[in-house]
Amino acid sequence: MVMPLYDDAPLRRLERPIANHALIFVNVVIFLVVQSEILGDPLTIMRGFAIIPRVLFGEANLADWVVGPPPPATLVTSLFFHSSLLHIASNMLFLYVFGDNVEDAMGSLHYLLFYLCCGVMAGVFYVYATPHSITPLVGASGAISGVCAAFLLLYPRATVTGFFPPLTFVMLPFWFITLAEKSRSPLRPLFGLKPPLFSFHATGFLFIGAWIALQLLNASWGGGESHVAWMAHVGGIAAGLILTPIFKRRSHKLFDRGPYGPPKTAPAPEALPPEQTGSEG
């Protein structure tokens, strides 16, 4: 799976993406509370707040000891529960990288509504694609898929820096060997990939376009044999493509061509007179 690290699209209207940070905070807090088991068995808790198609259609009922909201409300509550550390970490990384720019293009309130609408539509898509399933669905992936689709429409020319975890694990031993041979040399790239994560750069159109293609392929060929709800991802992507023109600010054009500033994680240093410029290290 390809993972993003950061992008170079700057925030133009917001000083801080309050809604995006709040979503990340709420998701992380709920995950920690549930996994701490202070409220009981995590699997039982998540089952009560998860989307279960047969329960939603009234074909089955939860056990009496499972506490949760009315089945229709699980289209929203399921977005804030995650089954594992890897599950929430990958989701929150995508949300952190792409959500702030989408919020900047929509405004905080519109972005929050957009996020929830994409999540609900993803859940509905999943339910109708698997109406007889009794497998609980939790996670923000559907809503975040909509956010990724919005980024594709709003910032296709932005540069996204990411990494491919399997490649990282494969390349690390070779990098350590190279570093050991020339211990005084700086971190050297291998095959154009910069260590230690061996990151790469691609336009938003290419990065997210390839990611969307991967979701479609998995939904078509591997959906029935995976624990990942690929059809919910597809529903979120479709929702994002449809809703982005409705929720974005009028002043923000679709397919924005930039120009963009330096990456958000590495702001440009303030220019100094020649006599005050620091030394190179």
C-alpha atoms as a PDB file:
ATOM      1  CA  MET A   1       0.000   0.000   0.000  1.00  0.00           C
ATOM      2  CA  VAL A   2       1.260   3.486  -0.870  1.00  0.00           C
ATOM      3  CA  MET A   3       1.331   5.886   2.082  1.00  0.00           C
ATOM      4  CA  PRO A   4       1.509   9.705   1.875  1.00  0.00           C
ATOM      5  CA  LEU A   5       3.881  11.774   4.008  1.00  0.00           C
ATOM      6  CA  TYR A   6       3.082  15.363   3.046  1.00  0.00           C
ATOM      7  CA  ASP A   7       2.167  17.607   0.108  1.00  0.00           C
ATOM      8  CA  ASP A   8       3.254  21.052  -1.026  1.00  0.00           C
ATOM      9  CA  ALA A   9      -0.214  22.641  -1.341  1.00  0.00           C
ATOM     10  CA  PRO A  10      -0.281  25.570   1.136  1.00  0.00           C
ATOM     11  CA  LEU A  11      -3.186  26.699   3.294  1.00  0.00           C
ATOM     12  CA  ARG A  12      -4.428  29.923   1.729  1.00  0.00           C
ATOM     13  CA  ARG A  13      -7.477  30.866   3.819  1.00  0.00           C
ATOM     14  CA  LEU A  14      -7.174  29.057   7.145  1.00  0.00           C
ATOM     15  CA  GLU A  15      -4.484  29.491   9.763  1.00  0.00           C
ATOM     16  CA  ARG A  16      -5.334  26.104  11.252  1.00  0.00           C
ATOM     17  CA  PRO A  17      -7.530  23.284   9.918  1.00  0.00           C
ATOM     18  CA  ILE A  18      -9.618  23.115  13.088  1.00  0.00           C
ATOM     19  CA  ALA A  19     -12.195  20.618  11.830  1.00  0.00           C
ATOM     20  CA  ASN A  20      -9.582  18.238  10.460  1.00  0.00           C
ATOM     21  CA  HIS A  21      -7.567  18.318  13.688  1.00  0.00           C
ATOM     22  CA  ALA A  22     -10.759  17.783  15.682  1.00  0.00           C
ATOM     23  CA  LEU A  23     -11.679  14.728  13.600  1.00  0.00           C
ATOM     24  CA  ILE A  24      -8.239  13.217  14.137  1.00  0.00           C
ATOM     25  CA  PHE A  25      -8.401  13.960  17.870  1.00  0.00           C
ATOM     26  CA  VAL A  26     -11.846  12.399  18.308  1.00  0.00           C
ATOM     27  CA  ASN A  27     -10.884   9.280  16.356  1.00  0.00           C
ATOM     28  CA  VAL A  28      -7.696   8.778  18.369  1.00  0.00           C
ATOM     29  CA  VAL A  29      -9.402   9.367  21.731  1.00  0.00           C
ATOM     30  CA  ILE A  30     -12.209   6.917  20.949  1.00  0.00           C
ATOM     31  CA  PHE A  31      -9.672   4.314  19.795  1.00  0.00           C
ATOM     32  CA  LEU A  32      -7.617   4.654  22.987  1.00  0.00           C
ATOM     33  CA  VAL A  33     -10.674   4.499  25.239  1.00  0.00           C
ATOM     34  CA  VAL A  34     -12.098   1.434  23.493  1.00  0.00           C
ATOM     35  CA  GLN A  35      -8.778  -0.419  23.379  1.00  0.00           C
ATOM     36  CA  SER A  36      -8.119   0.328  27.055  1.00  0.00           C
ATOM     37  CA  GLU A  37     -11.068  -1.995  27.862  1.00  0.00           C
ATOM     38  CA  ILE A  38     -12.329   0.314  30.614  1.00  0.00           C
ATOM     39  CA  LEU A  39     -15.764   0.142  28.962  1.00  0.00           C
ATOM     40  CA  GLY A  40     -15.649  -3.591  28.350  1.00  0.00           C
ATOM     41  CA  ASP A  41     -14.594  -5.895  25.531  1.00  0.00           C
ATOM     42  CA  PRO A  42     -13.468  -3.790  22.515  1.00  0.00           C
ATOM     43  CA  LEU A  43     -15.003  -6.161  19.953  1.00  0.00           C
ATOM     44  CA  THR A  44     -18.377  -6.069  21.711  1.00  0.00           C
ATOM     45  CA  ILE A  45     -18.317  -2.281  21.905  1.00  0.00           C
ATOM     46  CA  MET A  46     -17.396  -1.874  18.246  1.00  0.00           C
ATOM     47  CA  ARG A  47     -20.081  -4.328  17.188  1.00  0.00           C
ATOM     48  CA  GLY A  48     -22.727  -2.096  18.769  1.00  0.00           C
ATOM     49  CA  PHE A  49     -21.562   0.999  16.863  1.00  0.00           C
ATOM     50  CA  ALA A  50     -20.604  -0.712  13.600  1.00  0.00           C
ATOM     51  CA  ILE A  51     -22.552  -1.014  10.374  1.00  0.00           C
ATOM     52  CA  ILE A  52     -23.968  -4.527  10.025  1.00  0.00           C
ATOM     53  CA  PRO A  53     -26.003  -4.773   6.796  1.00  0.00           C
ATOM     54  CA  ARG A  54     -28.418  -7.465   7.966  1.00  0.00           C
ATOM     55  CA  VAL A  55     -29.105  -5.559  11.197  1.00  0.00           C
ATOM     56  CA  LEU A  56     -29.590  -2.323   9.280  1.00  0.00           C
ATOM     57  CA  PHE A  57     -32.148  -4.007   7.010  1.00  0.00           C
ATOM     58  CA  GLY A  58     -33.928  -5.598   9.980  1.00  0.00           C
ATOM     59  CA  GLU A  59     -32.997  -9.160   9.032  1.00  0.00           C
ATOM     60  CA  ALA A  60     -31.043  -9.744  12.252  1.00  0.00           C
ATOM     61  CA  ASN A  61     -30.728  -8.300  15.740  1.00  0.00           C
ATOM     62  CA  LEU A  62     -27.772  -7.706  18.019  1.00  0.00           C
ATOM     63  CA  ALA A  63     -27.471  -9.696  21.213  1.00  0.00           C
ATOM     64  CA  ASP A  64     -29.129  -8.140  24.242  1.00  0.00           C
ATOM     65  CA  TRP A  65     -25.801  -7.387  25.936  1.00  0.00           C
ATOM     66  CA  VAL A  66     -24.483  -5.380  22.943  1.00  0.00           C
ATOM     67  CA  VAL A  67     -25.096  -1.664  23.513  1.00  0.00           C
ATOM     68  CA  GLY A  68     -25.377   0.707  20.587  1.00  0.00           C
ATOM     69  CA  PRO A  69     -27.455   3.360  18.832  1.00  0.00           C
ATOM     70  CA  PRO A  70     -30.373   2.642  16.474  1.00  0.00           C
ATOM     71  CA  PRO A  71     -29.099   0.842  13.342  1.00  0.00           C
ATOM     72  CA  PRO A  72     -29.465   3.874  10.996  1.00  0.00           C
ATOM     73  CA  ALA A  73     -27.227   5.921  13.317  1.00  0.00           C
ATOM     74  CA  THR A  74     -24.400   3.448  12.824  1.00  0.00           C
ATOM     75  CA  LEU A  75     -23.827   4.983   9.392  1.00  0.00           C
ATOM     76  CA  VAL A  76     -22.236   7.834  11.381  1.00  0.00           C
ATOM     77  CA  THR A  77     -20.956   6.172  14.566  1.00  0.00           C
ATOM     78  CA  SER A  78     -19.035   3.514  12.643  1.00  0.00           C
ATOM     79  CA  LEU A  79     -16.796   6.254  11.227  1.00  0.00           C
ATOM     80  CA  PHE A  80     -15.189   6.875  14.620  1.00  0.00           C
ATOM     81  CA  PHE A  81     -14.214   3.321  15.591  1.00  0.00           C
ATOM     82  CA  HIS A  82     -11.137   1.437  14.411  1.00  0.00           C
ATOM     83  CA  SER A  83     -10.174  -2.177  14.871  1.00  0.00           C
ATOM     84  CA  SER A  84      -6.380  -1.948  15.217  1.00  0.00           C
ATOM     85  CA  LEU A  85      -3.436   0.400  15.574  1.00  0.00           C
ATOM     86  CA  LEU A  86      -2.495  -0.067  11.915  1.00  0.00           C
ATOM     87  CA  HIS A  87      -6.100   0.651  10.903  1.00  0.00           C
ATOM     88  CA  ILE A  88      -6.308   3.994  12.681  1.00  0.00           C
ATOM     89  CA  ALA A  89      -2.707   5.000  11.951  1.00  0.00           C
ATOM     90  CA  SER A  90      -3.090   4.599   8.187  1.00  0.00           C
ATOM     91  CA  ASN A  91      -6.472   6.330   8.149  1.00  0.00           C
ATOM     92  CA  MET A  92      -5.311   9.271  10.261  1.00  0.00           C
ATOM     93  CA  LEU A  93      -2.169   9.679   8.149  1.00  0.00           C
ATOM     94  CA  PHE A  94      -4.246  10.051   4.989  1.00  0.00           C
ATOM     95  CA  LEU A  95      -6.615  12.429   6.789  1.00  0.00           C
ATOM     96  CA  TYR A  96      -3.751  14.509   8.171  1.00  0.00           C
ATOM     97  CA  VAL A  97      -2.016  14.869   4.804  1.00  0.00           C
ATOM     98  CA  PHE A  98      -5.023  15.609   2.593  1.00  0.00           C
ATOM     99  CA  GLY A  99      -7.764  16.829   4.935  1.00  0.00           C
ATOM    100  CA  ASP A 100      -6.292  20.209   5.830  1.00  0.00           C
ATOM    101  CA  ASN A 101      -6.132  21.360   2.206  1.00  0.00           C
ATOM    102  CA  VAL A 102      -9.651  20.149   1.488  1.00  0.00           C
ATOM    103  CA  GLU A 103     -10.881  21.998   4.580  1.00  0.00           C
ATOM    104  CA  ASP A 104      -9.055  25.119   3.374  1.00  0.00           C
ATOM    105  CA  ALA A 105     -10.844  24.882   0.019  1.00  0.00           C
ATOM    106  CA  MET A 106     -14.276  24.325   1.596  1.00  0.00           C
ATOM    107  CA  GLY A 107     -14.279  26.110   4.939  1.00  0.00           C
ATOM    108  CA  SER A 108     -14.375  24.275   8.270  1.00  0.00           C
ATOM    109  CA  LEU A 109     -18.144  23.779   8.570  1.00  0.00           C
ATOM    110  CA  HIS A 110     -18.614  22.726   4.950  1.00  0.00           C
ATOM    111  CA  TYR A 111     -15.659  20.380   5.259  1.00  0.00           C
ATOM    112  CA  LEU A 112     -17.093  18.708   8.359  1.00  0.00           C
ATOM    113  CA  LEU A 113     -20.449  18.212   6.633  1.00  0.00           C
ATOM    114  CA  PHE A 114     -18.672  16.961   3.513  1.00  0.00           C
ATOM    115  CA  TYR A 115     -16.685  14.442   5.565  1.00  0.00           C
ATOM    116  CA  LEU A 116     -19.786  13.077   7.280  1.00  0.00           C
ATOM    117  CA  CYS A 117     -21.764  12.930   4.035  1.00  0.00           C
ATOM    118  CA  CYS A 118     -18.984  10.979   2.317  1.00  0.00           C
ATOM    119  CA  GLY A 119     -18.813   8.599   5.262  1.00  0.00           C
ATOM    120  CA  VAL A 120     -22.568   8.022   5.285  1.00  0.00           C
ATOM    121  CA  MET A 121     -22.731   7.537   1.515  1.00  0.00           C
ATOM    122  CA  ALA A 122     -19.812   5.099   1.708  1.00  0.00           C
ATOM    123  CA  GLY A 123     -21.706   3.122   4.348  1.00  0.00           C
ATOM    124  CA  VAL A 124     -24.879   3.101   2.270  1.00  0.00           C
ATOM    125  CA  PHE A 125     -22.919   1.929  -0.779  1.00  0.00           C
ATOM    126  CA  TYR A 126     -21.358  -0.876   1.248  1.00  0.00           C
ATOM    127  CA  VAL A 127     -24.706  -1.947   2.721  1.00  0.00           C
ATOM    128  CA  TYR A 128     -26.415  -2.213  -0.650  1.00  0.00           C
ATOM    129  CA  ALA A 129     -23.382  -3.963  -2.152  1.00  0.00           C
ATOM    130  CA  THR A 130     -23.392  -6.597   0.627  1.00  0.00           C
ATOM    131  CA  PRO A 131     -26.997  -6.604   1.944  1.00  0.00           C
ATOM    132  CA  HIS A 132     -26.804 -10.028   3.607  1.00  0.00           C
ATOM    133  CA  SER A 133     -23.477  -9.574   5.353  1.00  0.00           C
ATOM    134  CA  ILE A 134     -23.244  -9.892   9.138  1.00  0.00           C
ATOM    135  CA  THR A 135     -19.650  -8.616   9.254  1.00  0.00           C
ATOM    136  CA  PRO A 136     -19.364  -5.368  11.261  1.00  0.00           C
ATOM    137  CA  LEU A 137     -17.943  -2.400   9.377  1.00  0.00           C
ATOM    138  CA  VAL A 138     -15.970   0.226  11.302  1.00  0.00           C
ATOM    139  CA  GLY A 139     -13.463   2.865  10.306  1.00  0.00           C
ATOM    140  CA  ALA A 140     -13.177   6.277   8.695  1.00  0.00           C
ATOM    141  CA  SER A 141     -11.912   4.873   5.389  1.00  0.00           C
ATOM    142  CA  GLY A 142     -15.079   5.695   3.474  1.00  0.00           C
ATOM    143  CA  ALA A 143     -15.086   9.331   4.568  1.00  0.00           C
ATOM    144  CA  ILE A 144     -11.336   9.646   3.977  1.00  0.00           C
ATOM    145  CA  SER A 145     -11.780   8.159   0.496  1.00  0.00           C
ATOM    146  CA  GLY A 146     -14.091  11.080  -0.194  1.00  0.00           C
ATOM    147  CA  VAL A 147     -11.461  13.489   1.125  1.00  0.00           C
ATOM    148  CA  CYS A 148      -8.858  11.950  -1.202  1.00  0.00           C
ATOM    149  CA  ALA A 149     -11.217  12.310  -4.159  1.00  0.00           C
ATOM    150  CA  ALA A 150     -11.757  15.958  -3.220  1.00  0.00           C
ATOM    151  CA  PHE A 151      -7.999  16.558  -3.104  1.00  0.00           C
ATOM    152  CA  LEU A 152      -7.732  15.036  -6.574  1.00  0.00           C
ATOM    153  CA  LEU A 153     -10.273  17.525  -7.920  1.00  0.00           C
ATOM    154  CA  LEU A 154      -8.987  20.520  -5.967  1.00  0.00           C
ATOM    155  CA  TYR A 155      -5.191  20.091  -6.071  1.00  0.00           C
ATOM    156  CA  PRO A 156      -4.267  17.733  -8.944  1.00  0.00           C
ATOM    157  CA  ARG A 157      -0.971  19.534  -9.619  1.00  0.00           C
ATOM    158  CA  ALA A 158       0.239  19.541  -6.007  1.00  0.00           C
ATOM    159  CA  THR A 159       3.282  17.393  -5.294  1.00  0.00           C
ATOM    160  CA  VAL A 160       2.663  14.545  -2.858  1.00  0.00           C
ATOM    161  CA  THR A 161       5.592  12.882  -1.129  1.00  0.00           C
ATOM    162  CA  GLY A 162       4.942   9.315  -0.070  1.00  0.00           C
ATOM    163  CA  PHE A 163       6.494   5.920   0.480  1.00  0.00           C
ATOM    164  CA  PHE A 164       5.735   2.305  -0.250  1.00  0.00           C
ATOM    165  CA  PRO A 165       6.095   0.293   2.998  1.00  0.00           C
ATOM    166  CA  PRO A 166       7.087  -3.071   1.435  1.00  0.00           C
ATOM    167  CA  LEU A 167       9.779  -1.332  -0.601  1.00  0.00           C
ATOM    168  CA  THR A 168      10.985   0.456   2.528  1.00  0.00           C
ATOM    169  CA  PHE A 169      11.476  -2.820   4.393  1.00  0.00           C
ATOM    170  CA  VAL A 170      13.245  -4.398   1.408  1.00  0.00           C
ATOM    171  CA  MET A 171      15.563  -1.450   0.822  1.00  0.00           C
ATOM    172  CA  LEU A 172      16.579  -0.769   4.429  1.00  0.00           C
ATOM    173  CA  PRO A 173      19.225  -3.540   4.635  1.00  0.00           C
ATOM    174  CA  PHE A 174      20.892  -2.305   1.439  1.00  0.00           C
ATOM    175  CA  TRP A 175      20.928   1.243   2.767  1.00  0.00           C
ATOM    176  CA  PHE A 176      22.521   0.172   6.062  1.00  0.00           C
ATOM    177  CA  ILE A 177      25.216  -1.719   4.145  1.00  0.00           C
ATOM    178  CA  THR A 178      25.915   1.354   2.036  1.00  0.00           C
ATOM    179  CA  LEU A 179      25.974   3.580   5.105  1.00  0.00           C
ATOM    180  CA  ALA A 180      28.364   1.226   6.899  1.00  0.00           C
ATOM    181  CA  GLU A 181      30.763   1.250   3.959  1.00  0.00           C
ATOM    182  CA  LYS A 182      30.849   5.040   3.838  1.00  0.00           C
ATOM    183  CA  SER A 183      30.012   6.082   7.371  1.00  0.00           C
ATOM    184  CA  ARG A 184      31.098   9.678   6.814  1.00  0.00           C
ATOM    185  CA  SER A 185      28.804  10.210   3.863  1.00  0.00           C
ATOM    186  CA  PRO A 186      25.334  11.765   4.272  1.00  0.00           C
ATOM    187  CA  LEU A 187      22.168   9.768   3.816  1.00  0.00           C
ATOM    188  CA  ARG A 188      22.487   8.635   0.228  1.00  0.00           C
ATOM    189  CA  PRO A 189      19.556   7.807  -2.012  1.00  0.00           C
ATOM    190  CA  LEU A 190      19.299   4.372  -3.589  1.00  0.00           C
ATOM    191  CA  PHE A 191      17.738   4.173  -7.053  1.00  0.00           C
ATOM    192  CA  GLY A 192      16.462   7.725  -6.581  1.00  0.00           C
ATOM    193  CA  LEU A 193      14.669   6.897  -3.314  1.00  0.00           C
ATOM    194  CA  LYS A 194      15.751   8.885  -0.272  1.00  0.00           C
ATOM    195  CA  PRO A 195      16.334   6.969   2.994  1.00  0.00           C
ATOM    196  CA  PRO A 196      15.333   6.108   5.608  1.00  0.00           C
ATOM    197  CA  LEU A 197      11.737   5.822   4.322  1.00  0.00           C
ATOM    198  CA  PHE A 198      12.786   5.824   0.657  1.00  0.00           C
ATOM    199  CA  SER A 199      10.203   8.427  -0.253  1.00  0.00           C
ATOM    200  CA  PHE A 200       9.090   9.378  -3.739  1.00  0.00           C
ATOM    201  CA  HIS A 201       7.302  12.362  -5.247  1.00  0.00           C
ATOM    202  CA  ALA A 202       4.260  12.416  -7.522  1.00  0.00           C
ATOM    203  CA  THR A 203       1.542  14.846  -8.510  1.00  0.00           C
ATOM    204  CA  GLY A 204      -1.729  14.653  -6.611  1.00  0.00           C
ATOM    205  CA  PHE A 205      -3.367  13.448  -9.813  1.00  0.00           C
ATOM    206  CA  LEU A 206      -0.919  10.562 -10.180  1.00  0.00           C
ATOM    207  CA  PHE A 207      -0.717   9.625  -6.495  1.00  0.00           C
ATOM    208  CA  ILE A 208      -4.419   9.657  -5.711  1.00  0.00           C
ATOM    209  CA  GLY A 209      -5.354   8.499  -9.205  1.00  0.00           C
ATOM    210  CA  ALA A 210      -3.231   5.379  -8.707  1.00  0.00           C
ATOM    211  CA  TRP A 211      -4.678   4.932  -5.219  1.00  0.00           C
ATOM    212  CA  ILE A 212      -8.234   5.146  -6.578  1.00  0.00           C
ATOM    213  CA  ALA A 213      -7.397   2.652  -9.315  1.00  0.00           C
ATOM    214  CA  LEU A 214      -6.101   0.289  -6.624  1.00  0.00           C
ATOM    215  CA  GLN A 215      -9.360   0.583  -4.666  1.00  0.00           C
ATOM    216  CA  LEU A 216     -11.392  -0.195  -7.785  1.00  0.00           C
ATOM    217  CA  LEU A 217      -9.247  -3.203  -8.616  1.00  0.00           C
ATOM    218  CA  ASN A 218      -9.475  -4.568  -5.085  1.00  0.00           C
ATOM    219  CA  ALA A 219     -13.242  -4.023  -5.016  1.00  0.00           C
ATOM    220  CA  SER A 220     -13.606  -5.869  -8.327  1.00  0.00           C
ATOM    221  CA  TRP A 221     -11.271  -8.785  -7.703  1.00  0.00           C
ATOM    222  CA  GLY A 222     -10.439  -9.130  -4.035  1.00  0.00           C
ATOM    223  CA  GLY A 223     -13.373  -7.659  -2.118  1.00  0.00           C
ATOM    224  CA  GLY A 224     -14.849 -10.977  -1.058  1.00  0.00           C
ATOM    225  CA  GLU A 225     -11.585 -12.345   0.380  1.00  0.00           C
ATOM    226  CA  SER A 226     -10.404  -9.353   2.360  1.00  0.00           C
ATOM    227  CA  HIS A 227     -11.114  -7.796   5.725  1.00  0.00           C
ATOM    228  CA  VAL A 228     -11.025  -4.380   4.029  1.00  0.00           C
ATOM    229  CA  ALA A 229     -14.395  -3.004   2.924  1.00  0.00           C
ATOM    230  CA  TRP A 230     -13.279  -2.002  -0.559  1.00  0.00           C
ATOM    231  CA  MET A 231     -16.836  -1.249  -1.649  1.00  0.00           C
ATOM    232  CA  ALA A 232     -17.101   1.380   1.107  1.00  0.00           C
ATOM    233  CA  HIS A 233     -13.955   2.985  -0.301  1.00  0.00           C
ATOM    234  CA  VAL A 234     -15.526   3.045  -3.753  1.00  0.00           C
ATOM    235  CA  GLY A 235     -18.681   4.615  -2.330  1.00  0.00           C
ATOM    236  CA  GLY A 236     -16.640   7.272  -0.533  1.00  0.00           C
ATOM    237  CA  ILE A 237     -14.694   8.076  -3.691  1.00  0.00           C
ATOM    238  CA  ALA A 238     -17.899   8.445  -5.698  1.00  0.00           C
ATOM    239  CA  ALA A 239     -19.384  10.676  -2.995  1.00  0.00           C
ATOM    240  CA  GLY A 240     -16.268  12.847  -2.930  1.00  0.00           C
ATOM    241  CA  LEU A 241     -16.262  13.329  -6.691  1.00  0.00           C
ATOM    242  CA  ILE A 242     -19.958  14.266  -6.677  1.00  0.00           C
ATOM    243  CA  LEU A 243     -20.026  16.473  -3.568  1.00  0.00           C
ATOM    244  CA  THR A 244     -16.761  18.415  -3.923  1.00  0.00           C
ATOM    245  CA  PRO A 245     -18.119  20.920  -6.496  1.00  0.00           C
ATOM    246  CA  ILE A 246     -21.081  21.510  -4.171  1.00  0.00           C
ATOM    247  CA  PHE A 247     -19.153  22.030  -0.914  1.00  0.00           C
ATOM    248  CA  LYS A 248     -16.064  23.898  -2.142  1.00  0.00           C
ATOM    249  CA  ARG A 249     -15.735  27.645  -1.899  1.00  0.00           C
ATOM    250  CA  ARG A 250     -16.845  29.454  -5.021  1.00  0.00           C
ATOM    251  CA  SER A 251     -13.483  31.191  -5.188  1.00  0.00           C
ATOM    252  CA  HIS A 252     -11.585  27.904  -5.317  1.00  0.00           C
ATOM    253  CA  LYS A 253     -11.507  26.506  -8.828  1.00  0.00           C
ATOM    254  CA  LEU A 254     -11.570  22.831  -9.605  1.00  0.00           C
ATOM    255  CA  PHE A 255      -8.336  21.377 -11.009  1.00  0.00           C
ATOM    256  CA  ASP A 256      -6.314  24.173  -9.403  1.00  0.00           C
ATOM    257  CA  ARG A 257      -2.984  24.536 -11.200  1.00  0.00           C
ATOM    258  CA  GLY A 258      -1.076  26.270  -8.381  1.00  0.00           C
ATOM    259  CA  PRO A 259       1.489  27.700  -8.025  1.00  0.00           C
ATOM    260  CA  TYR A 260       2.264  25.971  -4.758  1.00  0.00           C
ATOM    261  CA  GLY A 261       4.727  26.828  -2.059  1.00  0.00           C
ATOM    262  CA  PRO A 262       7.234  24.604  -0.257  1.00  0.00           C
ATOM    263  CA  PRO A 263       6.021  21.445   1.552  1.00  0.00           C
ATOM    264  CA  LYS A 264       3.957  22.073   4.666  1.00  0.00           C
ATOM    265  CA  THR A 265       6.419  20.115   6.776  1.00  0.00           C
ATOM    266  CA  ALA A 266       9.368  22.181   5.650  1.00  0.00           C
ATOM    267  CA  PRO A 267       8.466  25.906   5.543  1.00  0.00           C
ATOM    268  CA  ALA A 268      10.813  28.142   3.598  1.00  0.00           C
ATOM    269  CA  PRO A 269      13.412  29.881   5.829  1.00  0.00           C
ATOM    270  CA  GLU A 270      13.352  33.622   6.116  1.00  0.00           C
ATOM    271  CA  ALA A 271      15.763  35.312   3.737  1.00  0.00           C
ATOM    272  CA  LEU A 272      18.750  36.891   5.515  1.00  0.00           C
ATOM    273  CA  PRO A 273      21.337  39.404   4.314  1.00  0.00           C
ATOM    274  CA  PRO A 274      24.537  37.734   3.047  1.00  0.00           C
ATOM    275  CA  GLU A 275      26.467  38.586   6.193  1.00  0.00           C
ATOM    276  CA  GLN A 276      23.862  36.916   8.410  1.00  0.00           C
ATOM    277  CA  THR A 277      23.466  33.702   6.433  1.00  0.00           C
ATOM    278  CA  GLY A 278      24.278  30.591   8.476  1.00  0.00           C
ATOM    279  CA  SER A 279      26.957  28.113   7.533  1.00  0.00           C
ATOM    280  CA  GLU A 280      26.244  24.936   5.624  1.00  0.00           C
ATOM    281  CA  GLY A 281      26.501  21.690   7.541  1.00  0.00           C
END
